[in-house]
Amino acid sequence: MAFSLYDASIPMMVRMLQNLSIILDKAAAHAAAQDIDPATMIEARLAPDMFNLARQVQSAADAAKACAARLSGETPPSHADTETTFDELKARIAKVIAYAESFTPEQINASENRSITIPTRGEPHVFKNGGDYLTQFAIPNFFFHVTTAYGLLRHQGVEIGKMTYLAGV
């Protein structure tokens, strides 16, 4: 059986978004146990010029929905970036998971021989096919934001580790 673009994208991104949702549950529990205002955690950043936790989660979700849409030849849906609570961020993740799971392998794999153009800093960037888009942009971008969200929460003392990141435990 051949390993497809679908296999390399949708199931992996769905799983990592599910794990991110579990990580947010652990962050909410940590905030409650330590009497920390959840807003403080959600607004936290690793450096002054980086996105805060809310924007990292939104960006991870956006990366997954954009990947699914672009590989299938659709335009990604727009979501307002208004989430300010752990529950709202988890709802955003759930909405994107449902969207990503709505695509069939055939829809995603159809991009194997089709170029994909994305806007990068206001300029079009063309990938010669879906595989190049997936491996050179979509996957690295997705993992950048998931990993940064994890790092932000770990830095704030949330008891999560590698297996929480990888397996949601």
Protein backbone atom coordinates (compact mmCIF):
# COMPACT_ATOMS: atom_id res chain seq x y z
CA MET A 1 0.00 0.00 0.00
CA ALA A 2 1.36 3.39 -0.98
CA PHE A 3 1.71 6.16 1.57
CA SER A 4 -0.37 9.08 0.31
CA LEU A 5 -0.62 12.83 0.80
CA TYR A 6 -3.78 12.18 2.80
CA ASP A 7 -1.95 9.71 5.06
CA ALA A 8 0.80 12.27 5.66
CA SER A 9 -1.53 15.15 6.45
CA ILE A 10 -5.09 14.83 7.73
CA PRO A 11 -4.80 11.97 10.27
CA MET A 12 -1.54 13.39 11.68
CA MET A 13 -2.87 16.93 12.00
CA VAL A 14 -6.13 15.73 13.54
CA ARG A 15 -4.22 13.69 16.11
CA MET A 16 -1.92 16.56 17.01
CA LEU A 17 -4.88 18.94 17.34
CA GLN A 18 -6.55 16.43 19.65
CA ASN A 19 -3.35 16.30 21.69
CA LEU A 20 -3.22 20.11 21.77
CA SER A 21 -6.76 20.14 23.10
CA ILE A 22 -5.72 17.74 25.87
CA ILE A 23 -2.75 19.99 26.63
CA LEU A 24 -5.17 22.93 26.98
CA ASP A 25 -7.24 20.84 29.43
CA LYS A 26 -4.11 20.27 31.49
CA ALA A 27 -3.32 24.00 31.36
CA ALA A 28 -6.82 24.88 32.59
CA ALA A 29 -6.50 22.38 35.42
CA HIS A 30 -3.08 23.77 36.33
CA ALA A 31 -4.45 27.32 36.39
CA ALA A 32 -7.30 26.25 38.68
CA ALA A 33 -5.03 24.23 41.01
CA GLN A 34 -2.47 27.02 41.29
CA ASP A 35 -5.03 29.84 41.48
CA ILE A 36 -3.63 31.42 38.30
CA ASP A 37 -5.83 33.63 36.16
CA PRO A 38 -6.23 31.63 32.91
CA ALA A 39 -6.01 34.90 30.95
CA THR A 40 -2.43 35.28 32.17
CA MET A 41 -1.54 31.92 30.64
CA ILE A 42 -3.44 32.58 27.42
CA GLU A 43 -1.69 35.93 26.94
CA ALA A 44 1.78 34.54 27.70
CA ARG A 45 4.53 34.68 25.09
CA LEU A 46 8.08 33.36 24.98
CA ALA A 47 9.45 36.64 23.63
CA PRO A 48 7.95 40.10 23.19
CA ASP A 49 7.80 39.79 19.39
CA MET A 50 6.16 36.34 19.36
CA PHE A 51 2.49 35.44 19.29
CA ASN A 52 0.82 34.67 22.60
CA LEU A 53 -0.64 31.26 23.46
CA ALA A 54 -4.06 32.07 22.00
CA ARG A 55 -2.54 33.09 18.67
CA GLN A 56 -0.28 30.01 18.61
CA VAL A 57 -3.32 27.74 19.03
CA GLN A 58 -5.27 29.73 16.43
CA SER A 59 -2.31 29.50 14.05
CA ALA A 60 -1.96 25.74 14.52
CA ALA A 61 -5.66 25.32 13.79
CA ASP A 62 -5.40 27.66 10.80
CA ALA A 63 -2.42 25.72 9.45
CA ALA A 64 -4.38 22.46 9.58
CA LYS A 65 -7.52 23.85 7.92
CA ALA A 66 -5.46 25.65 5.26
CA CYS A 67 -3.55 22.47 4.51
CA ALA A 68 -6.73 20.44 4.05
CA ALA A 69 -8.35 23.13 1.94
CA ARG A 70 -5.36 23.79 -0.29
CA LEU A 71 -4.58 20.14 -0.88
CA SER A 72 -8.20 19.60 -1.92
CA GLY A 73 -8.25 22.68 -4.15
CA GLU A 74 -10.59 24.68 -1.92
CA THR A 75 -10.19 28.06 -0.27
CA PRO A 76 -9.66 27.78 3.49
CA PRO A 77 -12.59 29.05 5.56
CA SER A 78 -12.02 32.15 7.65
CA HIS A 79 -12.33 32.12 11.42
CA ALA A 80 -12.22 35.29 13.50
CA ASP A 81 -9.39 35.22 16.02
CA THR A 82 -11.55 36.08 19.03
CA GLU A 83 -10.83 33.21 21.42
CA THR A 84 -9.79 34.36 24.90
CA THR A 85 -10.46 31.28 27.05
CA PHE A 86 -9.29 27.69 27.11
CA ASP A 87 -12.82 26.52 26.24
CA GLU A 88 -13.00 28.87 23.24
CA LEU A 89 -9.60 27.68 22.00
CA LYS A 90 -10.72 24.06 22.37
CA ALA A 91 -13.91 24.86 20.42
CA ARG A 92 -11.76 26.33 17.63
CA ILE A 93 -9.69 23.16 17.55
CA ALA A 94 -12.84 20.99 17.46
CA LYS A 95 -14.26 23.03 14.56
CA VAL A 96 -11.05 22.57 12.57
CA ILE A 97 -10.87 18.85 13.34
CA ALA A 98 -14.41 18.43 12.00
CA TYR A 99 -13.50 20.42 8.90
CA ALA A 100 -10.32 18.42 8.24
CA GLU A 101 -12.13 15.13 8.74
CA SER A 102 -14.72 16.13 6.14
CA PHE A 103 -12.19 15.57 3.34
CA THR A 104 -11.77 12.23 1.63
CA PRO A 105 -8.40 10.73 0.74
CA GLU A 106 -9.30 11.20 -2.94
CA GLN A 107 -9.81 14.94 -2.48
CA ILE A 108 -6.46 15.39 -0.74
CA ASN A 109 -4.51 13.02 -3.01
CA ALA A 110 -5.76 14.87 -6.11
CA SER A 111 -3.14 17.54 -5.40
CA GLU A 112 -0.33 15.13 -6.18
CA ASN A 113 0.14 16.63 -9.65
CA ARG A 114 -1.37 20.10 -9.12
CA SER A 115 0.54 23.24 -8.20
CA ILE A 116 -0.47 25.11 -5.06
CA THR A 117 -0.04 28.85 -4.66
CA ILE A 118 -0.09 30.52 -1.28
CA PRO A 119 0.40 34.14 -0.29
CA THR A 120 3.68 34.65 1.55
CA ARG A 121 4.23 38.15 2.88
CA GLY A 122 1.91 39.52 0.21
CA GLU A 123 3.62 37.70 -2.64
CA PRO A 124 2.48 34.45 -4.26
CA HIS A 125 4.61 31.42 -3.56
CA VAL A 126 4.07 28.50 -5.92
CA PHE A 127 4.71 24.88 -5.00
CA LYS A 128 4.91 22.57 -8.00
CA ASN A 129 2.64 19.97 -6.35
CA GLY A 130 0.81 19.03 -3.19
CA GLY A 131 3.72 16.98 -1.89
CA ASP A 132 6.07 19.94 -2.04
CA TYR A 133 3.50 22.20 -0.37
CA LEU A 134 2.89 19.63 2.37
CA THR A 135 6.52 18.86 3.18
CA GLN A 136 8.12 22.25 2.58
CA PHE A 137 5.47 24.49 4.17
CA ALA A 138 2.29 23.00 5.64
CA ILE A 139 3.77 20.41 8.02
CA PRO A 140 6.65 22.59 9.29
CA ASN A 141 4.30 25.55 9.82
CA PHE A 142 1.74 23.40 11.65
CA PHE A 143 4.33 21.86 13.98
CA PHE A 144 5.97 25.23 14.65
CA HIS A 145 2.75 26.53 16.20
CA VAL A 146 1.80 23.32 18.05
CA THR A 147 5.29 23.07 19.52
CA THR A 148 5.36 26.74 20.51
CA ALA A 149 1.98 26.41 22.27
CA TYR A 150 3.34 23.37 24.13
CA GLY A 151 6.52 25.26 25.06
CA LEU A 152 4.59 28.26 26.34
CA LEU A 153 2.53 26.10 28.68
CA ARG A 154 5.49 23.99 29.79
CA HIS A 155 7.36 27.20 30.59
CA GLN A 156 4.44 28.27 32.77
CA GLY A 157 4.71 25.12 34.87
CA VAL A 158 1.98 22.99 33.31
CA GLU A 159 2.88 19.35 33.94
CA ILE A 160 3.08 18.08 30.40
CA GLY A 161 5.81 16.15 28.70
CA LYS A 162 6.81 14.54 25.47
CA MET A 163 4.15 11.83 25.72
CA THR A 164 1.45 14.46 26.27
CA TYR A 165 2.64 16.16 23.10
CA LEU A 166 2.91 12.94 21.09
CA ALA A 167 0.12 10.79 22.51
CA GLY A 168 -2.13 13.06 24.55
CA VAL A 169 -1.36 11.32 27.86
